[in-house]
All heavy atoms as atom14 arrays in JSON, in Angstrom:
{
  "sequence": "GFWLLASIGITAVLATGAVIIFASDDQITYDNFGAAVGVPIAILLPM",
  "atom14_mask": [
    [1, 1, 1, 1, 0, 0, 0, 0, 0, 0, 0, 0, 0, 0],
    [1, 1, 1, 1, 1, 1, 1, 1, 1, 1, 1, 0, 0, 0],
    [1, 1, 1, 1, 1, 1, 1, 1, 1, 1, 1, 1, 1, 1],
    [1, 1, 1, 1, 1, 1, 1, 1, 0, 0, 0, 0, 0, 0],
    [1, 1, 1, 1, 1, 1, 1, 1, 0, 0, 0, 0, 0, 0],
    [1, 1, 1, 1, 1, 0, 0, 0, 0, 0, 0, 0, 0, 0],
    [1, 1, 1, 1, 1, 1, 0, 0, 0, 0, 0, 0, 0, 0],
    [1, 1, 1, 1, 1, 1, 1, 1, 0, 0, 0, 0, 0, 0],
    [1, 1, 1, 1, 0, 0, 0, 0, 0, 0, 0, 0, 0, 0],
    [1, 1, 1, 1, 1, 1, 1, 1, 0, 0, 0, 0, 0, 0],
    [1, 1, 1, 1, 1, 1, 1, 0, 0, 0, 0, 0, 0, 0],
    [1, 1, 1, 1, 1, 0, 0, 0, 0, 0, 0, 0, 0, 0],
    [1, 1, 1, 1, 1, 1, 1, 0, 0, 0, 0, 0, 0, 0],
    [1, 1, 1, 1, 1, 1, 1, 1, 0, 0, 0, 0, 0, 0],
    [1, 1, 1, 1, 1, 0, 0, 0, 0, 0, 0, 0, 0, 0],
    [1, 1, 1, 1, 1, 1, 1, 0, 0, 0, 0, 0, 0, 0],
    [1, 1, 1, 1, 0, 0, 0, 0, 0, 0, 0, 0, 0, 0],
    [1, 1, 1, 1, 1, 0, 0, 0, 0, 0, 0, 0, 0, 0],
    [1, 1, 1, 1, 1, 1, 1, 0, 0, 0, 0, 0, 0, 0],
    [1, 1, 1, 1, 1, 1, 1, 1, 0, 0, 0, 0, 0, 0],
    [1, 1, 1, 1, 1, 1, 1, 1, 0, 0, 0, 0, 0, 0],
    [1, 1, 1, 1, 1, 1, 1, 1, 1, 1, 1, 0, 0, 0],
    [1, 1, 1, 1, 1, 0, 0, 0, 0, 0, 0, 0, 0, 0],
    [1, 1, 1, 1, 1, 1, 0, 0, 0, 0, 0, 0, 0, 0],
    [1, 1, 1, 1, 1, 1, 1, 1, 0, 0, 0, 0, 0, 0],
    [1, 1, 1, 1, 1, 1, 1, 1, 0, 0, 0, 0, 0, 0],
    [1, 1, 1, 1, 1, 1, 1, 1, 1, 0, 0, 0, 0, 0],
    [1, 1, 1, 1, 1, 1, 1, 1, 0, 0, 0, 0, 0, 0],
    [1, 1, 1, 1, 1, 1, 1, 0, 0, 0, 0, 0, 0, 0],
    [1, 1, 1, 1, 1, 1, 1, 1, 1, 1, 1, 1, 0, 0],
    [1, 1, 1, 1, 1, 1, 1, 1, 0, 0, 0, 0, 0, 0],
    [1, 1, 1, 1, 1, 1, 1, 1, 0, 0, 0, 0, 0, 0],
    [1, 1, 1, 1, 1, 1, 1, 1, 1, 1, 1, 0, 0, 0],
    [1, 1, 1, 1, 0, 0, 0, 0, 0, 0, 0, 0, 0, 0],
    [1, 1, 1, 1, 1, 0, 0, 0, 0, 0, 0, 0, 0, 0],
    [1, 1, 1, 1, 1, 0, 0, 0, 0, 0, 0, 0, 0, 0],
    [1, 1, 1, 1, 1, 1, 1, 0, 0, 0, 0, 0, 0, 0],
    [1, 1, 1, 1, 0, 0, 0, 0, 0, 0, 0, 0, 0, 0],
    [1, 1, 1, 1, 1, 1, 1, 0, 0, 0, 0, 0, 0, 0],
    [1, 1, 1, 1, 1, 1, 1, 0, 0, 0, 0, 0, 0, 0],
    [1, 1, 1, 1, 1, 1, 1, 1, 0, 0, 0, 0, 0, 0],
    [1, 1, 1, 1, 1, 0, 0, 0, 0, 0, 0, 0, 0, 0],
    [1, 1, 1, 1, 1, 1, 1, 1, 0, 0, 0, 0, 0, 0],
    [1, 1, 1, 1, 1, 1, 1, 1, 0, 0, 0, 0, 0, 0],
    [1, 1, 1, 1, 1, 1, 1, 1, 0, 0, 0, 0, 0, 0],
    [1, 1, 1, 1, 1, 1, 1, 0, 0, 0, 0, 0, 0, 0],
    [1, 1, 1, 1, 1, 1, 1, 1, 0, 0, 0, 0, 0, 0]
  ],
  "atom14_positions": [
    [[-39.72, 173.54, 70.17], [-39.86, 174.95, 70.27], [-39.87, 175.45, 71.71], [-39.28, 176.49, 72.03], [0.0, 0.0, 0.0], [0.0, 0.0, 0.0], [0.0, 0.0, 0.0], [0.0, 0.0, 0.0], [0.0, 0.0, 0.0], [0.0, 0.0, 0.0], [0.0, 0.0, 0.0], [0.0, 0.0, 0.0], [0.0, 0.0, 0.0], [0.0, 0.0, 0.0]],
    [[-40.61, 174.75, 72.57], [-40.67, 175.16, 73.99], [-39.32, 175.15, 74.61], [-38.88, 176.09, 75.29], [-41.65, 174.2, 74.75], [-41.63, 174.45, 76.23], [-42.32, 175.56, 76.79], [-40.9, 173.63, 77.06], [-42.32, 175.73, 78.11], [-40.88, 173.84, 78.43], [-41.6, 174.88, 78.95], [0.0, 0.0, 0.0], [0.0, 0.0, 0.0], [0.0, 0.0, 0.0]],
    [[-38.59, 174.02, 74.48], [-37.27, 173.9, 75.09], [-36.19, 174.83, 74.49], [-35.27, 175.21, 75.17], [-36.81, 172.44, 75.15], [-37.57, 171.63, 76.14], [-38.49, 170.67, 75.91], [-37.46, 171.75, 77.56], [-38.99, 170.19, 77.08], [-38.34, 170.81, 78.11], [-36.67, 172.58, 78.43], [-38.51, 170.69, 79.5], [-36.81, 172.41, 79.77], [-37.73, 171.44, 80.3]],
    [[-36.39, 175.11, 73.22], [-35.43, 176.04, 72.57], [-35.63, 177.43, 73.17], [-34.64, 178.11, 73.48], [-35.68, 176.07, 71.07], [-34.66, 176.9, 70.24], [-33.27, 176.31, 70.41], [-35.06, 176.82, 68.78], [0.0, 0.0, 0.0], [0.0, 0.0, 0.0], [0.0, 0.0, 0.0], [0.0, 0.0, 0.0], [0.0, 0.0, 0.0], [0.0, 0.0, 0.0]],
    [[-36.89, 177.81, 73.39], [-37.1, 179.14, 74.05], [-36.7, 179.08, 75.5], [-36.11, 180.05, 76.0], [-38.59, 179.48, 73.92], [-39.06, 179.87, 72.51], [-40.56, 180.01, 72.49], [-38.41, 181.18, 72.07], [0.0, 0.0, 0.0], [0.0, 0.0, 0.0], [0.0, 0.0, 0.0], [0.0, 0.0, 0.0], [0.0, 0.0, 0.0], [0.0, 0.0, 0.0]],
    [[-36.98, 177.98, 76.18], [-36.62, 177.86, 77.59], [-35.12, 177.87, 77.78], [-34.6, 178.35, 78.78], [-37.21, 176.63, 78.19], [0.0, 0.0, 0.0], [0.0, 0.0, 0.0], [0.0, 0.0, 0.0], [0.0, 0.0, 0.0], [0.0, 0.0, 0.0], [0.0, 0.0, 0.0], [0.0, 0.0, 0.0], [0.0, 0.0, 0.0], [0.0, 0.0, 0.0]],
    [[-34.4, 177.33, 76.76], [-32.99, 177.3, 76.9], [-32.31, 178.68, 76.94], [-31.22, 178.81, 77.37], [-32.38, 176.47, 75.69], [-32.67, 177.14, 74.45], [0.0, 0.0, 0.0], [0.0, 0.0, 0.0], [0.0, 0.0, 0.0], [0.0, 0.0, 0.0], [0.0, 0.0, 0.0], [0.0, 0.0, 0.0], [0.0, 0.0, 0.0], [0.0, 0.0, 0.0]],
    [[-33.01, 179.67, 76.4], [-32.46, 181.02, 76.46], [-32.31, 181.46, 77.92], [-31.24, 181.94, 78.36], [-33.35, 182.04, 75.67], [-33.31, 181.72, 74.2], [-32.95, 183.47, 75.95], [-34.2, 182.57, 73.39], [0.0, 0.0, 0.0], [0.0, 0.0, 0.0], [0.0, 0.0, 0.0], [0.0, 0.0, 0.0], [0.0, 0.0, 0.0], [0.0, 0.0, 0.0]],
    [[-33.41, 181.35, 78.67], [-33.3, 181.64, 80.12], [-32.35, 180.73, 80.87], [-31.61, 181.17, 81.75], [0.0, 0.0, 0.0], [0.0, 0.0, 0.0], [0.0, 0.0, 0.0], [0.0, 0.0, 0.0], [0.0, 0.0, 0.0], [0.0, 0.0, 0.0], [0.0, 0.0, 0.0], [0.0, 0.0, 0.0], [0.0, 0.0, 0.0], [0.0, 0.0, 0.0]],
    [[-32.35, 179.45, 80.53], [-31.46, 178.46, 81.22], [-30.01, 178.78, 80.97], [-29.18, 178.86, 81.92], [-31.8, 177.04, 80.78], [-33.22, 176.65, 81.23], [-30.81, 176.05, 81.38], [-33.66, 175.32, 80.67], [0.0, 0.0, 0.0], [0.0, 0.0, 0.0], [0.0, 0.0, 0.0], [0.0, 0.0, 0.0], [0.0, 0.0, 0.0], [0.0, 0.0, 0.0]],
    [[-29.63, 179.03, 79.73], [-28.24, 179.34, 79.4], [-27.8, 180.7, 79.98], [-26.65, 180.89, 80.37], [-27.99, 179.33, 77.91], [-28.93, 180.28, 77.25], [-28.19, 177.95, 77.33], [0.0, 0.0, 0.0], [0.0, 0.0, 0.0], [0.0, 0.0, 0.0], [0.0, 0.0, 0.0], [0.0, 0.0, 0.0], [0.0, 0.0, 0.0], [0.0, 0.0, 0.0]],
    [[-28.77, 181.65, 80.07], [-28.42, 182.92, 80.69], [-28.1, 182.79, 82.17], [-27.13, 183.36, 82.64], [-29.58, 183.9, 80.5], [0.0, 0.0, 0.0], [0.0, 0.0, 0.0], [0.0, 0.0, 0.0], [0.0, 0.0, 0.0], [0.0, 0.0, 0.0], [0.0, 0.0, 0.0], [0.0, 0.0, 0.0], [0.0, 0.0, 0.0], [0.0, 0.0, 0.0]],
    [[-28.93, 181.93, 82.85], [-28.58, 181.69, 84.26], [-27.29, 180.93, 84.45], [-26.46, 181.25, 85.32], [-29.73, 180.89, 84.91], [-29.38, 180.46, 86.32], [-31.05, 181.73, 84.9], [0.0, 0.0, 0.0], [0.0, 0.0, 0.0], [0.0, 0.0, 0.0], [0.0, 0.0, 0.0], [0.0, 0.0, 0.0], [0.0, 0.0, 0.0], [0.0, 0.0, 0.0]],
    [[-27.02, 179.93, 83.57], [-25.79, 179.18, 83.71], [-24.59, 180.02, 83.41], [-23.56, 179.93, 84.08], [-25.85, 177.97, 82.73], [-26.85, 176.87, 83.06], [-26.87, 175.75, 82.0], [-26.55, 176.23, 84.42], [0.0, 0.0, 0.0], [0.0, 0.0, 0.0], [0.0, 0.0, 0.0], [0.0, 0.0, 0.0], [0.0, 0.0, 0.0], [0.0, 0.0, 0.0]],
    [[-24.66, 180.86, 82.37], [-23.51, 181.74, 82.03], [-23.27, 182.74, 83.13], [-22.12, 183.0, 83.49], [-23.83, 182.49, 80.69], [0.0, 0.0, 0.0], [0.0, 0.0, 0.0], [0.0, 0.0, 0.0], [0.0, 0.0, 0.0], [0.0, 0.0, 0.0], [0.0, 0.0, 0.0], [0.0, 0.0, 0.0], [0.0, 0.0, 0.0], [0.0, 0.0, 0.0]],
    [[-24.35, 183.27, 83.72], [-24.16, 184.2, 84.87], [-23.5, 183.55, 86.04], [-22.58, 184.07, 86.7], [-25.53, 184.76, 85.29], [-26.09, 185.47, 84.13], [-25.4, 185.74, 86.41], [0.0, 0.0, 0.0], [0.0, 0.0, 0.0], [0.0, 0.0, 0.0], [0.0, 0.0, 0.0], [0.0, 0.0, 0.0], [0.0, 0.0, 0.0], [0.0, 0.0, 0.0]],
    [[-23.96, 182.28, 86.35], [-23.37, 181.58, 87.43], [-21.89, 181.24, 87.2], [-21.06, 181.26, 88.13], [0.0, 0.0, 0.0], [0.0, 0.0, 0.0], [0.0, 0.0, 0.0], [0.0, 0.0, 0.0], [0.0, 0.0, 0.0], [0.0, 0.0, 0.0], [0.0, 0.0, 0.0], [0.0, 0.0, 0.0], [0.0, 0.0, 0.0], [0.0, 0.0, 0.0]],
    [[-21.55, 180.93, 85.95], [-20.17, 180.64, 85.57], [-19.27, 181.83, 85.82], [-18.13, 181.73, 86.33], [-20.06, 180.18, 84.13], [0.0, 0.0, 0.0], [0.0, 0.0, 0.0], [0.0, 0.0, 0.0], [0.0, 0.0, 0.0], [0.0, 0.0, 0.0], [0.0, 0.0, 0.0], [0.0, 0.0, 0.0], [0.0, 0.0, 0.0], [0.0, 0.0, 0.0]],
    [[-19.74, 183.04, 85.48], [-18.98, 184.25, 85.71], [-18.76, 184.48, 87.2], [-17.65, 184.8, 87.65], [-19.62, 185.5, 85.07], [-18.92, 186.75, 85.46], [-19.69, 185.32, 83.57], [0.0, 0.0, 0.0], [0.0, 0.0, 0.0], [0.0, 0.0, 0.0], [0.0, 0.0, 0.0], [0.0, 0.0, 0.0], [0.0, 0.0, 0.0], [0.0, 0.0, 0.0]],
    [[-19.78, 184.28, 87.99], [-19.69, 184.48, 89.4], [-18.71, 183.48, 90.07], [-17.9, 183.82, 90.9], [-21.04, 184.33, 90.12], [-22.0, 185.46, 89.67], [-20.93, 184.31, 91.61], [-23.38, 185.32, 90.17], [0.0, 0.0, 0.0], [0.0, 0.0, 0.0], [0.0, 0.0, 0.0], [0.0, 0.0, 0.0], [0.0, 0.0, 0.0], [0.0, 0.0, 0.0]],
    [[-18.73, 182.24, 89.58], [-17.86, 181.22, 90.17], [-16.42, 181.28, 89.71], [-15.49, 181.23, 90.52], [-18.49, 179.81, 89.81], [-19.8, 179.62, 90.48], [-17.51, 178.69, 90.27], [-20.49, 178.36, 90.06], [0.0, 0.0, 0.0], [0.0, 0.0, 0.0], [0.0, 0.0, 0.0], [0.0, 0.0, 0.0], [0.0, 0.0, 0.0], [0.0, 0.0, 0.0]],
    [[-16.21, 181.52, 88.4], [-14.85, 181.39, 87.84], [-14.14, 182.69, 87.66], [-12.92, 182.69, 87.57], [-14.92, 180.6, 86.56], [-15.45, 179.21, 86.68], [-16.71, 178.86, 86.23], [-14.7, 178.21, 87.33], [-17.19, 177.55, 86.37], [-15.18, 176.94, 87.47], [-16.42, 176.58, 87.02], [0.0, 0.0, 0.0], [0.0, 0.0, 0.0], [0.0, 0.0, 0.0]],
    [[-14.86, 183.8, 87.54], [-14.18, 185.06, 87.25], [-13.51, 185.58, 88.52], [-14.03, 185.4, 89.65], [-15.22, 186.1, 86.68], [0.0, 0.0, 0.0], [0.0, 0.0, 0.0], [0.0, 0.0, 0.0], [0.0, 0.0, 0.0], [0.0, 0.0, 0.0], [0.0, 0.0, 0.0], [0.0, 0.0, 0.0], [0.0, 0.0, 0.0], [0.0, 0.0, 0.0]],
    [[-12.43, 186.29, 88.34], [-11.81, 186.97, 89.47], [-12.62, 188.19, 89.91], [-13.52, 188.64, 89.19], [-10.4, 187.4, 89.12], [-10.38, 188.28, 88.01], [0.0, 0.0, 0.0], [0.0, 0.0, 0.0], [0.0, 0.0, 0.0], [0.0, 0.0, 0.0], [0.0, 0.0, 0.0], [0.0, 0.0, 0.0], [0.0, 0.0, 0.0], [0.0, 0.0, 0.0]],
    [[-12.32, 188.68, 91.07], [-13.11, 189.81, 91.68], [-13.12, 191.05, 90.73], [-14.18, 191.65, 90.61], [-12.57, 190.17, 93.02], [-12.78, 189.12, 94.1], [-13.47, 188.1, 93.75], [-12.24, 189.25, 95.18], [0.0, 0.0, 0.0], [0.0, 0.0, 0.0], [0.0, 0.0, 0.0], [0.0, 0.0, 0.0], [0.0, 0.0, 0.0], [0.0, 0.0, 0.0]],
    [[-11.97, 191.32, 90.1], [-11.96, 192.56, 89.26], [-12.63, 192.33, 87.92], [-12.82, 193.28, 87.19], [-10.55, 192.97, 89.0], [-9.69, 191.89, 88.37], [-10.09, 190.67, 88.44], [-8.68, 192.24, 87.72], [0.0, 0.0, 0.0], [0.0, 0.0, 0.0], [0.0, 0.0, 0.0], [0.0, 0.0, 0.0], [0.0, 0.0, 0.0], [0.0, 0.0, 0.0]],
    [[-13.04, 191.08, 87.63], [-13.78, 190.77, 86.37], [-15.28, 190.72, 86.62], [-16.01, 190.44, 85.65], [-13.26, 189.5, 85.78], [-11.82, 189.6, 85.23], [-11.34, 188.31, 84.65], [-11.79, 187.24, 85.01], [-10.46, 188.44, 83.68], [0.0, 0.0, 0.0], [0.0, 0.0, 0.0], [0.0, 0.0, 0.0], [0.0, 0.0, 0.0], [0.0, 0.0, 0.0]],
    [[-15.73, 190.92, 87.83], [-17.2, 190.94, 88.09], [-17.77, 192.3, 87.68], [-17.92, 193.21, 88.46], [-17.46, 190.65, 89.6], [-16.91, 189.31, 90.04], [-18.97, 190.61, 89.88], [-17.46, 188.1, 89.33], [0.0, 0.0, 0.0], [0.0, 0.0, 0.0], [0.0, 0.0, 0.0], [0.0, 0.0, 0.0], [0.0, 0.0, 0.0], [0.0, 0.0, 0.0]],
    [[-17.96, 192.42, 86.39], [-18.51, 193.66, 85.78], [-19.69, 193.26, 84.88], [-19.84, 192.11, 84.38], [-17.47, 194.39, 85.0], [-17.14, 193.6, 83.81], [-16.27, 194.68, 85.82], [0.0, 0.0, 0.0], [0.0, 0.0, 0.0], [0.0, 0.0, 0.0], [0.0, 0.0, 0.0], [0.0, 0.0, 0.0], [0.0, 0.0, 0.0], [0.0, 0.0, 0.0]],
    [[-20.54, 194.26, 84.66], [-21.73, 193.99, 83.86], [-21.33, 193.66, 82.39], [-22.04, 192.93, 81.73], [-22.66, 195.21, 83.88], [-24.01, 194.91, 83.3], [-24.71, 193.77, 83.64], [-24.63, 195.8, 82.43], [-25.97, 193.53, 83.13], [-25.86, 195.51, 81.86], [-26.54, 194.42, 82.23], [-27.78, 194.17, 81.69], [0.0, 0.0, 0.0], [0.0, 0.0, 0.0]],
    [[-20.25, 194.23, 81.93], [-19.76, 193.94, 80.55], [-19.46, 192.45, 80.43], [-19.81, 191.8, 79.43], [-18.53, 194.77, 80.29], [-18.06, 194.68, 78.81], [-18.9, 194.19, 78.02], [-16.99, 195.13, 78.49], [0.0, 0.0, 0.0], [0.0, 0.0, 0.0], [0.0, 0.0, 0.0], [0.0, 0.0, 0.0], [0.0, 0.0, 0.0], [0.0, 0.0, 0.0]],
    [[-18.76, 191.87, 81.43], [-18.44, 190.43, 81.37], [-19.66, 189.56, 81.45], [-19.78, 188.51, 80.8], [-17.43, 190.07, 82.47], [-16.02, 190.65, 82.16], [-15.65, 190.8, 81.02], [-15.32, 190.97, 83.2], [0.0, 0.0, 0.0], [0.0, 0.0, 0.0], [0.0, 0.0, 0.0], [0.0, 0.0, 0.0], [0.0, 0.0, 0.0], [0.0, 0.0, 0.0]],
    [[-20.66, 189.95, 82.32], [-21.87, 189.25, 82.41], [-22.62, 189.28, 81.1], [-23.14, 188.25, 80.61], [-22.74, 189.75, 83.53], [-22.31, 189.29, 84.87], [-21.65, 190.15, 85.75], [-22.63, 187.99, 85.33], [-21.32, 189.74, 87.02], [-22.24, 187.6, 86.58], [-21.55, 188.44, 87.46], [0.0, 0.0, 0.0], [0.0, 0.0, 0.0], [0.0, 0.0, 0.0]],
    [[-22.64, 190.45, 80.46], [-23.31, 190.6, 79.2], [-22.7, 189.77, 78.09], [-23.39, 189.14, 77.29], [0.0, 0.0, 0.0], [0.0, 0.0, 0.0], [0.0, 0.0, 0.0], [0.0, 0.0, 0.0], [0.0, 0.0, 0.0], [0.0, 0.0, 0.0], [0.0, 0.0, 0.0], [0.0, 0.0, 0.0], [0.0, 0.0, 0.0], [0.0, 0.0, 0.0]],
    [[-21.36, 189.72, 78.07], [-20.65, 188.95, 77.09], [-20.92, 187.46, 77.26], [-21.12, 186.72, 76.28], [-19.16, 189.22, 77.17], [0.0, 0.0, 0.0], [0.0, 0.0, 0.0], [0.0, 0.0, 0.0], [0.0, 0.0, 0.0], [0.0, 0.0, 0.0], [0.0, 0.0, 0.0], [0.0, 0.0, 0.0], [0.0, 0.0, 0.0], [0.0, 0.0, 0.0]],
    [[-20.91, 187.02, 78.53], [-21.15, 185.57, 78.79], [-22.57, 185.16, 78.44], [-22.77, 184.11, 77.83], [-20.89, 185.27, 80.25], [0.0, 0.0, 0.0], [0.0, 0.0, 0.0], [0.0, 0.0, 0.0], [0.0, 0.0, 0.0], [0.0, 0.0, 0.0], [0.0, 0.0, 0.0], [0.0, 0.0, 0.0], [0.0, 0.0, 0.0], [0.0, 0.0, 0.0]],
    [[-23.53, 186.0, 78.77], [-24.92, 185.67, 78.46], [-25.19, 185.8, 76.94], [-25.95, 185.07, 76.38], [-25.84, 186.59, 79.24], [-27.34, 186.4, 78.82], [-25.74, 186.31, 80.73], [0.0, 0.0, 0.0], [0.0, 0.0, 0.0], [0.0, 0.0, 0.0], [0.0, 0.0, 0.0], [0.0, 0.0, 0.0], [0.0, 0.0, 0.0], [0.0, 0.0, 0.0]],
    [[-24.5, 186.74, 76.25], [-24.79, 187.01, 74.88], [-24.37, 185.95, 73.96], [-24.96, 185.77, 72.87], [0.0, 0.0, 0.0], [0.0, 0.0, 0.0], [0.0, 0.0, 0.0], [0.0, 0.0, 0.0], [0.0, 0.0, 0.0], [0.0, 0.0, 0.0], [0.0, 0.0, 0.0], [0.0, 0.0, 0.0], [0.0, 0.0, 0.0], [0.0, 0.0, 0.0]],
    [[-23.3, 185.18, 74.25], [-22.77, 184.18, 73.32], [-23.82, 183.14, 73.01], [-24.11, 182.85, 71.85], [-21.48, 183.56, 73.85], [-21.09, 182.36, 73.02], [-20.37, 184.64, 73.85], [0.0, 0.0, 0.0], [0.0, 0.0, 0.0], [0.0, 0.0, 0.0], [0.0, 0.0, 0.0], [0.0, 0.0, 0.0], [0.0, 0.0, 0.0], [0.0, 0.0, 0.0]],
    [[-24.41, 182.41, 74.02], [-25.41, 181.36, 73.68], [-26.67, 181.95, 73.06], [-27.26, 181.34, 72.19], [-25.69, 180.7, 75.0], [-25.27, 181.67, 76.05], [-24.14, 182.46, 75.5], [0.0, 0.0, 0.0], [0.0, 0.0, 0.0], [0.0, 0.0, 0.0], [0.0, 0.0, 0.0], [0.0, 0.0, 0.0], [0.0, 0.0, 0.0], [0.0, 0.0, 0.0]],
    [[-27.07, 183.15, 73.5], [-28.27, 183.75, 72.98], [-28.09, 184.13, 71.49], [-29.01, 183.98, 70.64], [-28.68, 185.02, 73.79], [-29.19, 184.55, 75.14], [-29.68, 185.85, 73.05], [-29.6, 185.68, 76.02], [0.0, 0.0, 0.0], [0.0, 0.0, 0.0], [0.0, 0.0, 0.0], [0.0, 0.0, 0.0], [0.0, 0.0, 0.0], [0.0, 0.0, 0.0]],
    [[-26.87, 184.56, 71.1], [-26.63, 184.92, 69.73], [-26.71, 183.68, 68.8], [-26.98, 183.85, 67.6], [-25.22, 185.53, 69.58], [0.0, 0.0, 0.0], [0.0, 0.0, 0.0], [0.0, 0.0, 0.0], [0.0, 0.0, 0.0], [0.0, 0.0, 0.0], [0.0, 0.0, 0.0], [0.0, 0.0, 0.0], [0.0, 0.0, 0.0], [0.0, 0.0, 0.0]],
    [[-26.53, 182.49, 69.35], [-26.67, 181.25, 68.6], [-28.12, 180.8, 68.58], [-28.64, 180.29, 67.58], [-25.72, 180.19, 69.17], [-24.29, 180.62, 68.99], [-25.91, 178.86, 68.42], [-23.31, 179.7, 69.64], [0.0, 0.0, 0.0], [0.0, 0.0, 0.0], [0.0, 0.0, 0.0], [0.0, 0.0, 0.0], [0.0, 0.0, 0.0], [0.0, 0.0, 0.0]],
    [[-28.78, 180.89, 69.73], [-30.14, 180.34, 69.86], [-31.22, 181.16, 69.14], [-32.13, 180.58, 68.56], [-30.5, 180.23, 71.38], [-29.7, 179.19, 72.13], [-30.05, 179.28, 73.63], [-30.02, 177.75, 71.66], [0.0, 0.0, 0.0], [0.0, 0.0, 0.0], [0.0, 0.0, 0.0], [0.0, 0.0, 0.0], [0.0, 0.0, 0.0], [0.0, 0.0, 0.0]],
    [[-31.08, 182.48, 69.17], [-32.16, 183.28, 68.57], [-32.33, 183.05, 67.09], [-33.44, 182.93, 66.63], [-31.83, 184.76, 68.85], [-32.11, 185.28, 70.25], [-31.78, 186.78, 70.38], [-33.55, 185.07, 70.67], [0.0, 0.0, 0.0], [0.0, 0.0, 0.0], [0.0, 0.0, 0.0], [0.0, 0.0, 0.0], [0.0, 0.0, 0.0], [0.0, 0.0, 0.0]],
    [[-31.23, 182.94, 66.29], [-31.46, 182.66, 64.83], [-32.08, 181.27, 64.66], [-32.82, 181.1, 63.71], [-30.03, 182.68, 64.27], [-29.29, 183.59, 65.22], [-29.85, 183.32, 66.56], [0.0, 0.0, 0.0], [0.0, 0.0, 0.0], [0.0, 0.0, 0.0], [0.0, 0.0, 0.0], [0.0, 0.0, 0.0], [0.0, 0.0, 0.0], [0.0, 0.0, 0.0]],
    [[-31.85, 180.34, 65.55], [-32.49, 178.98, 65.38], [-33.96, 179.1, 65.57], [-34.76, 178.45, 64.86], [-31.92, 178.03, 66.45], [-30.39, 177.8, 66.42], [-29.81, 177.08, 64.88], [-29.07, 178.53, 64.13], [0.0, 0.0, 0.0], [0.0, 0.0, 0.0], [0.0, 0.0, 0.0], [0.0, 0.0, 0.0], [0.0, 0.0, 0.0], [0.0, 0.0, 0.0]]
  ]
}
């Protein structure tokens, strides 16, 4: 339970870092950050 909850913050940080590293300059938008962070969270929260 602890690591499942902690993984929400961990995956959010990793997804944000991935957008910064791999996205082009014109794709650095809040919408793209939200989409990247939202995918793992949408899977983890129901668990």
